[in-house]
C-alpha atoms as a PDB file:
ATOM      1  CA  MET A   1      71.031 -46.024  51.233  1.00  0.00           C
ATOM      2  CA  PHE A   2      70.171 -42.684  52.778  1.00  0.00           C
ATOM      3  CA  LEU A   3      67.221 -41.270  50.843  1.00  0.00           C
ATOM      4  CA  ILE A   4      65.643 -37.838  51.232  1.00  0.00           C
ATOM      5  CA  ASN A   5      62.081 -37.278  50.044  1.00  0.00           C
ATOM      6  CA  ARG A   6      62.046 -34.575  47.385  1.00  0.00           C
ATOM      7  CA  ARG A   7      59.183 -32.785  49.127  1.00  0.00           C
ATOM      8  CA  ARG A   8      61.304 -32.255  52.234  1.00  0.00           C
ATOM      9  CA  PHE A   9      63.866 -30.170  50.385  1.00  0.00           C
ATOM     10  CA  LEU A  10      63.959 -26.472  51.256  1.00  0.00           C
ATOM     11  CA  ALA A  11      65.251 -23.752  48.957  1.00  0.00           C
ATOM     12  CA  MET A  12      68.999 -23.390  49.370  1.00  0.00           C
ATOM     13  CA  ALA A  13      70.289 -19.829  49.708  1.00  0.00           C
ATOM     14  CA  LEU A  14      73.201 -19.005  47.434  1.00  0.00           C
ATOM     15  CA  SER A  15      76.115 -18.432  49.763  1.00  0.00           C
ATOM     16  CA  LEU A  16      78.644 -18.329  46.935  1.00  0.00           C
ATOM     17  CA  PRO A  17      77.991 -19.031  43.256  1.00  0.00           C
ATOM     18  CA  ALA A  18      79.634 -21.439  40.886  1.00  0.00           C
ATOM     19  CA  VAL A  19      79.937 -20.003  37.420  1.00  0.00           C
ATOM     20  CA  ALA A  20      82.201 -21.083  34.620  1.00  0.00           C
ATOM     21  CA  SER A  21      85.156 -18.898  33.733  1.00  0.00           C
ATOM     22  CA  ALA A  22      86.032 -18.219  30.123  1.00  0.00           C
ATOM     23  CA  ALA A  23      89.736 -17.803  30.867  1.00  0.00           C
ATOM     24  CA  VAL A  24      91.396 -20.708  32.630  1.00  0.00           C
ATOM     25  CA  THR A  25      93.916 -18.660  34.576  1.00  0.00           C
ATOM     26  CA  ALA A  26      94.251 -18.238  38.307  1.00  0.00           C
ATOM     27  CA  PRO A  27      93.222 -14.671  39.207  1.00  0.00           C
ATOM     28  CA  SER A  28      95.601 -12.653  41.326  1.00  0.00           C
ATOM     29  CA  GLN A  29      92.789 -11.306  43.500  1.00  0.00           C
ATOM     30  CA  ALA A  30      89.706 -12.898  44.956  1.00  0.00           C
ATOM     31  CA  ALA A  31      86.573 -12.450  42.885  1.00  0.00           C
ATOM     32  CA  PRO A  32      83.938 -10.514  44.874  1.00  0.00           C
ATOM     33  CA  SER A  33      81.272 -12.885  46.119  1.00  0.00           C
ATOM     34  CA  ASP A  34      78.442 -10.546  45.144  1.00  0.00           C
ATOM     35  CA  LEU A  35      79.777 -10.393  41.570  1.00  0.00           C
ATOM     36  CA  ILE A  36      79.794 -14.179  41.278  1.00  0.00           C
ATOM     37  CA  GLU A  37      76.254 -14.345  42.658  1.00  0.00           C
ATOM     38  CA  THR A  38      75.140 -11.752  40.133  1.00  0.00           C
ATOM     39  CA  VAL A  39      76.575 -13.811  37.270  1.00  0.00           C
ATOM     40  CA  LEU A  40      74.813 -16.936  38.534  1.00  0.00           C
ATOM     41  CA  THR A  41      71.471 -15.176  38.805  1.00  0.00           C
ATOM     42  CA  ARG A  42      71.827 -14.074  35.178  1.00  0.00           C
ATOM     43  CA  ALA A  43      72.931 -17.482  33.928  1.00  0.00           C
ATOM     44  CA  HIS A  44      69.338 -18.436  33.071  1.00  0.00           C
ATOM     45  CA  MET A  45      69.359 -15.837  30.288  1.00  0.00           C
ATOM     46  CA  PRO A  46      70.256 -17.175  26.810  1.00  0.00           C
ATOM     47  CA  ARG A  47      73.554 -16.023  25.332  1.00  0.00           C
ATOM     48  CA  HIS A  48      71.821 -15.373  22.005  1.00  0.00           C
ATOM     49  CA  SER A  49      68.365 -15.892  20.529  1.00  0.00           C
ATOM     50  CA  ASN A  50      69.227 -19.263  18.953  1.00  0.00           C
ATOM     51  CA  GLU A  51      71.246 -20.772  21.794  1.00  0.00           C
ATOM     52  CA  LEU A  52      70.260 -24.301  22.795  1.00  0.00           C
ATOM     53  CA  TRP A  53      70.876 -24.617  26.520  1.00  0.00           C
ATOM     54  CA  VAL A  54      69.764 -26.599  29.559  1.00  0.00           C
ATOM     55  CA  LEU A  55      68.290 -25.313  32.826  1.00  0.00           C
ATOM     56  CA  ILE A  56      68.130 -27.637  35.845  1.00  0.00           C
ATOM     57  CA  ASP A  57      66.008 -26.315  38.701  1.00  0.00           C
ATOM     58  CA  ASP A  58      66.635 -27.782  42.132  1.00  0.00           C
ATOM     59  CA  GLN A  59      63.465 -26.465  43.767  1.00  0.00           C
ATOM     60  CA  GLU A  60      61.157 -27.621  40.972  1.00  0.00           C
ATOM     61  CA  ALA A  61      63.102 -30.855  40.269  1.00  0.00           C
ATOM     62  CA  THR A  62      62.928 -30.134  36.542  1.00  0.00           C
ATOM     63  CA  LEU A  63      65.277 -30.215  33.567  1.00  0.00           C
ATOM     64  CA  SER A  64      64.323 -27.846  30.749  1.00  0.00           C
ATOM     65  CA  VAL A  65      65.861 -27.460  27.321  1.00  0.00           C
ATOM     66  CA  PHE A  66      65.546 -24.028  25.746  1.00  0.00           C
ATOM     67  CA  ARG A  67      66.205 -22.547  22.327  1.00  0.00           C
ATOM     68  CA  GLY A  68      66.822 -18.957  23.302  1.00  0.00           C
ATOM     69  CA  ASN A  69      63.842 -18.187  25.565  1.00  0.00           C
ATOM     70  CA  ALA A  70      61.587 -20.810  23.955  1.00  0.00           C
ATOM     71  CA  LEU A  71      61.000 -24.057  25.839  1.00  0.00           C
ATOM     72  CA  VAL A  72      61.867 -27.125  23.754  1.00  0.00           C
ATOM     73  CA  GLU A  73      61.561 -29.963  26.306  1.00  0.00           C
ATOM     74  CA  ARG A  74      60.887 -30.265  30.038  1.00  0.00           C
ATOM     75  CA  TYR A  75      61.435 -33.351  32.193  1.00  0.00           C
ATOM     76  CA  ALA A  76      59.984 -33.805  35.681  1.00  0.00           C
ATOM     77  CA  PRO A  77      60.567 -35.091  38.205  1.00  0.00           C
ATOM     78  CA  ILE A  78      64.320 -35.444  37.939  1.00  0.00           C
ATOM     79  CA  SER A  79      66.658 -36.686  40.663  1.00  0.00           C
ATOM     80  CA  LEU A  80      69.621 -34.790  42.119  1.00  0.00           C
ATOM     81  CA  GLY A  81      72.158 -35.629  44.804  1.00  0.00           C
ATOM     82  CA  ARG A  82      70.920 -37.222  48.023  1.00  0.00           C
ATOM     83  CA  ALA A  83      72.245 -34.213  49.977  1.00  0.00           C
ATOM     84  CA  GLY A  84      70.592 -31.633  47.720  1.00  0.00           C
ATOM     85  CA  ALA A  85      72.066 -28.954  45.471  1.00  0.00           C
ATOM     86  CA  LYS A  86      74.507 -26.334  46.755  1.00  0.00           C
ATOM     87  CA  THR A  87      77.037 -23.914  45.318  1.00  0.00           C
ATOM     88  CA  GLN A  88      79.851 -25.605  47.253  1.00  0.00           C
ATOM     89  CA  ARG A  89      80.470 -29.313  46.807  1.00  0.00           C
ATOM     90  CA  VAL A  90      83.230 -31.499  48.186  1.00  0.00           C
ATOM     91  CA  ARG A  91      84.156 -35.043  47.326  1.00  0.00           C
ATOM     92  CA  GLY A  92      81.840 -37.657  48.794  1.00  0.00           C
ATOM     93  CA  ASP A  93      79.150 -35.324  50.153  1.00  0.00           C
ATOM     94  CA  ASN A  94      76.435 -36.411  47.644  1.00  0.00           C
ATOM     95  CA  VAL A  95      75.727 -32.782  46.700  1.00  0.00           C
ATOM     96  CA  THR A  96      74.805 -31.627  43.195  1.00  0.00           C
ATOM     97  CA  PRO A  97      76.856 -28.503  42.435  1.00  0.00           C
ATOM     98  CA  LYS A  98      74.994 -25.364  41.438  1.00  0.00           C
ATOM     99  CA  GLY A  99      76.486 -23.152  38.763  1.00  0.00           C
ATOM    100  CA  GLU A 100      77.021 -22.658  35.066  1.00  0.00           C
ATOM    101  CA  PHE A 101      78.723 -25.470  33.187  1.00  0.00           C
ATOM    102  CA  ARG A 102      79.367 -26.934  29.737  1.00  0.00           C
ATOM    103  CA  ILE A 103      78.847 -30.500  28.595  1.00  0.00           C
ATOM    104  CA  ASN A 104      82.336 -31.769  27.839  1.00  0.00           C
ATOM    105  CA  ARG A 105      81.989 -35.516  27.223  1.00  0.00           C
ATOM    106  CA  PHE A 106      79.566 -38.340  26.430  1.00  0.00           C
ATOM    107  CA  ASN A 107      79.731 -41.968  27.534  1.00  0.00           C
ATOM    108  CA  TYR A 108      77.229 -44.100  25.640  1.00  0.00           C
ATOM    109  CA  GLU A 109      78.383 -47.280  27.412  1.00  0.00           C
ATOM    110  CA  SER A 110      77.681 -46.038  30.930  1.00  0.00           C
ATOM    111  CA  GLN A 111      75.886 -48.198  33.484  1.00  0.00           C
ATOM    112  CA  TRP A 112      73.413 -45.292  33.526  1.00  0.00           C
ATOM    113  CA  ARG A 113      72.635 -45.827  29.811  1.00  0.00           C
ATOM    114  CA  THR A 114      74.193 -42.516  28.699  1.00  0.00           C
ATOM    115  CA  PHE A 115      76.367 -40.191  30.761  1.00  0.00           C
ATOM    116  CA  MET A 116      76.899 -36.535  29.779  1.00  0.00           C
ATOM    117  CA  GLY A 117      79.761 -35.088  31.787  1.00  0.00           C
ATOM    118  CA  ILE A 118      79.936 -31.407  32.738  1.00  0.00           C
ATOM    119  CA  ASP A 119      83.042 -29.377  33.454  1.00  0.00           C
ATOM    120  CA  PHE A 120      82.857 -29.442  37.244  1.00  0.00           C
ATOM    121  CA  PRO A 121      84.733 -28.139  39.159  1.00  0.00           C
ATOM    122  CA  THR A 122      84.801 -24.853  37.256  1.00  0.00           C
ATOM    123  CA  PRO A 123      87.379 -22.118  37.946  1.00  0.00           C
ATOM    124  CA  ALA A 124      84.765 -20.382  40.105  1.00  0.00           C
ATOM    125  CA  HIS A 125      84.361 -23.518  42.228  1.00  0.00           C
ATOM    126  CA  ALA A 126      88.128 -23.647  42.624  1.00  0.00           C
ATOM    127  CA  ARG A 127      88.159 -20.017  43.768  1.00  0.00           C
ATOM    128  CA  MET A 128      85.420 -20.727  46.304  1.00  0.00           C
ATOM    129  CA  ALA A 129      87.352 -23.742  47.585  1.00  0.00           C
ATOM    130  CA  LEU A 130      90.407 -21.563  48.136  1.00  0.00           C
ATOM    131  CA  GLU A 131      88.413 -18.867  49.940  1.00  0.00           C
ATOM    132  CA  LYS A 132      86.784 -21.473  52.214  1.00  0.00           C
ATOM    133  CA  GLY A 133      90.007 -23.301  53.001  1.00  0.00           C
ATOM    134  CA  ILE A 134      89.057 -26.457  51.102  1.00  0.00           C
ATOM    135  CA  TYR A 135      91.921 -25.820  48.671  1.00  0.00           C
ATOM    136  CA  SER A 136      95.352 -24.707  49.773  1.00  0.00           C
ATOM    137  CA  GLN A 137      97.146 -22.186  47.583  1.00  0.00           C
ATOM    138  CA  THR A 138      99.113 -25.090  46.129  1.00  0.00           C
ATOM    139  CA  ASP A 139      95.906 -27.014  45.393  1.00  0.00           C
ATOM    140  CA  TYR A 140      94.511 -23.937  43.686  1.00  0.00           C
ATOM    141  CA  GLU A 141      97.554 -23.428  41.507  1.00  0.00           C
ATOM    142  CA  ASP A 142      97.692 -27.138  40.682  1.00  0.00           C
ATOM    143  CA  TYR A 143      94.037 -26.956  39.572  1.00  0.00           C
ATOM    144  CA  PHE A 144      94.787 -24.260  36.996  1.00  0.00           C
ATOM    145  CA  ASP A 145      97.997 -25.924  35.890  1.00  0.00           C
ATOM    146  CA  TYR A 146      96.069 -29.134  35.175  1.00  0.00           C
ATOM    147  CA  TYR A 147      93.277 -27.224  33.413  1.00  0.00           C
ATOM    148  CA  ARG A 148      95.737 -25.388  31.151  1.00  0.00           C
ATOM    149  CA  ARG A 149      97.574 -28.593  30.239  1.00  0.00           C
ATOM    150  CA  ASN A 150      94.532 -30.817  29.677  1.00  0.00           C
ATOM    151  CA  GLY A 151      91.722 -28.475  28.637  1.00  0.00           C
ATOM    152  CA  HIS A 152      89.347 -29.723  31.330  1.00  0.00           C
ATOM    153  CA  PRO A 153      89.241 -29.572  35.140  1.00  0.00           C
ATOM    154  CA  PRO A 154      90.874 -32.231  37.329  1.00  0.00           C
ATOM    155  CA  GLN A 155      88.473 -34.800  38.726  1.00  0.00           C
ATOM    156  CA  ASN A 156      90.427 -36.028  41.744  1.00  0.00           C
ATOM    157  CA  THR A 157      90.745 -32.962  43.970  1.00  0.00           C
ATOM    158  CA  ALA A 158      88.954 -32.282  47.267  1.00  0.00           C
ATOM    159  CA  LEU A 159      85.949 -31.101  45.237  1.00  0.00           C
ATOM    160  CA  GLY A 160      85.482 -34.447  43.546  1.00  0.00           C
ATOM    161  CA  GLY A 161      84.336 -34.876  39.960  1.00  0.00           C
ATOM    162  CA  ALA A 162      82.492 -37.191  37.551  1.00  0.00           C
ATOM    163  CA  ILE A 163      79.403 -34.968  37.718  1.00  0.00           C
ATOM    164  CA  GLY A 164      76.961 -35.057  34.836  1.00  0.00           C
ATOM    165  CA  ILE A 165      73.496 -35.889  33.552  1.00  0.00           C
ATOM    166  CA  HIS A 166      72.567 -39.540  33.076  1.00  0.00           C
ATOM    167  CA  GLY A 167      69.728 -42.003  32.746  1.00  0.00           C
ATOM    168  CA  LEU A 168      68.558 -44.701  35.122  1.00  0.00           C
ATOM    169  CA  GLY A 169      70.180 -47.701  33.514  1.00  0.00           C
ATOM    170  CA  SER A 170      68.782 -50.533  35.623  1.00  0.00           C
ATOM    171  CA  ALA A 171      67.963 -48.305  38.630  1.00  0.00           C
ATOM    172  CA  ASP A 172      64.472 -48.429  40.153  1.00  0.00           C
ATOM    173  CA  PRO A 173      62.094 -45.995  38.378  1.00  0.00           C
ATOM    174  CA  ASP A 174      59.864 -45.872  41.468  1.00  0.00           C
ATOM    175  CA  ILE A 175      62.699 -44.595  43.655  1.00  0.00           C
ATOM    176  CA  HIS A 176      63.594 -42.121  40.933  1.00  0.00           C
ATOM    177  CA  GLY A 177      60.056 -40.782  40.935  1.00  0.00           C
ATOM    178  CA  ARG A 178      59.978 -40.261  44.704  1.00  0.00           C
ATOM    179  CA  TYR A 179      63.477 -39.395  45.913  1.00  0.00           C
ATOM    180  CA  HIS A 180      66.706 -37.607  45.123  1.00  0.00           C
ATOM    181  CA  TRP A 181      69.053 -40.582  45.020  1.00  0.00           C
ATOM    182  CA  THR A 182      72.279 -39.795  43.143  1.00  0.00           C
ATOM    183  CA  GLN A 183      75.775 -39.080  44.465  1.00  0.00           C
ATOM    184  CA  GLY A 184      75.668 -35.619  42.923  1.00  0.00           C
ATOM    185  CA  CYS A 185      74.689 -36.127  39.310  1.00  0.00           C
ATOM    186  CA  VAL A 186      71.378 -35.236  37.656  1.00  0.00           C
ATOM    187  CA  ALA A 187      69.314 -38.275  36.708  1.00  0.00           C
ATOM    188  CA  VAL A 188      66.450 -38.558  34.233  1.00  0.00           C
ATOM    189  CA  THR A 189      64.681 -41.605  32.812  1.00  0.00           C
ATOM    190  CA  ASN A 190      66.263 -43.718  30.086  1.00  0.00           C
ATOM    191  CA  GLU A 191      63.776 -42.412  27.535  1.00  0.00           C
ATOM    192  CA  GLN A 192      64.554 -38.832  28.557  1.00  0.00           C
ATOM    193  CA  ILE A 193      68.335 -39.278  28.382  1.00  0.00           C
ATOM    194  CA  ASP A 194      67.961 -40.718  24.875  1.00  0.00           C
ATOM    195  CA  ARG A 195      65.969 -37.680  23.810  1.00  0.00           C
ATOM    196  CA  LEU A 196      68.315 -35.254  25.554  1.00  0.00           C
ATOM    197  CA  ALA A 197      71.362 -36.837  23.913  1.00  0.00           C
ATOM    198  CA  SER A 198      69.761 -36.227  20.515  1.00  0.00           C
ATOM    199  CA  LEU A 199      69.340 -32.519  21.282  1.00  0.00           C
ATOM    200  CA  VAL A 200      72.550 -31.417  23.014  1.00  0.00           C
ATOM    201  CA  GLY A 201      76.238 -31.846  22.336  1.00  0.00           C
ATOM    202  CA  VAL A 202      79.695 -31.097  23.653  1.00  0.00           C
ATOM    203  CA  GLY A 203      79.776 -27.396  24.502  1.00  0.00           C
ATOM    204  CA  THR A 204      76.076 -27.083  25.363  1.00  0.00           C
ATOM    205  CA  ARG A 205      75.635 -24.775  28.352  1.00  0.00           C
ATOM    206  CA  VAL A 206      74.052 -26.259  31.474  1.00  0.00           C
ATOM    207  CA  VAL A 207      72.776 -24.105  34.333  1.00  0.00           C
ATOM    208  CA  ILE A 208      72.030 -25.760  37.675  1.00  0.00           C
ATOM    209  CA  ARG A 209      70.269 -23.453  40.117  1.00  0.00           C
END
């Protein structure tokens, strides 16, 4: 397994952001890149004073739960994808996608103890994929058609899927404490995933930056 020491990671510049779109419709014009970046930089602000939300920080290797601006829990170190965190992810590249997401499913029988899925790829990720040539126009339209029909993004496109937050299961805690080791998910300890699952629910906002 290819492992990268967490201390070797450098800060990744935001080339294009990955923010969730409220309306699941394919826009007729490309969203300006600077506008998407602006939305991502503001994603760490609570939507309202009582919002319970999650902030995952790539550089600090932390997962924080907030109620509004008040810190509720913080877990460190956490593990991200073996290839780091970036705004653009493609299937099989072991990258954790940056952006603004929502928890959309729970699997309490996961091999990772508990798995909390997020709604990656978001409409913004799909737009980025089109602009970068990862999606064709047909791929892009198929993405939105699937999203409209099913209420969640497809998981088998060129961007991949099955991204979420999970525990260690039977994974080695020592490796977890020293390296980023996942295929793109965010991993915490089994005790931490139990606690997190008691705090958040479907619809909770998750910001990965």
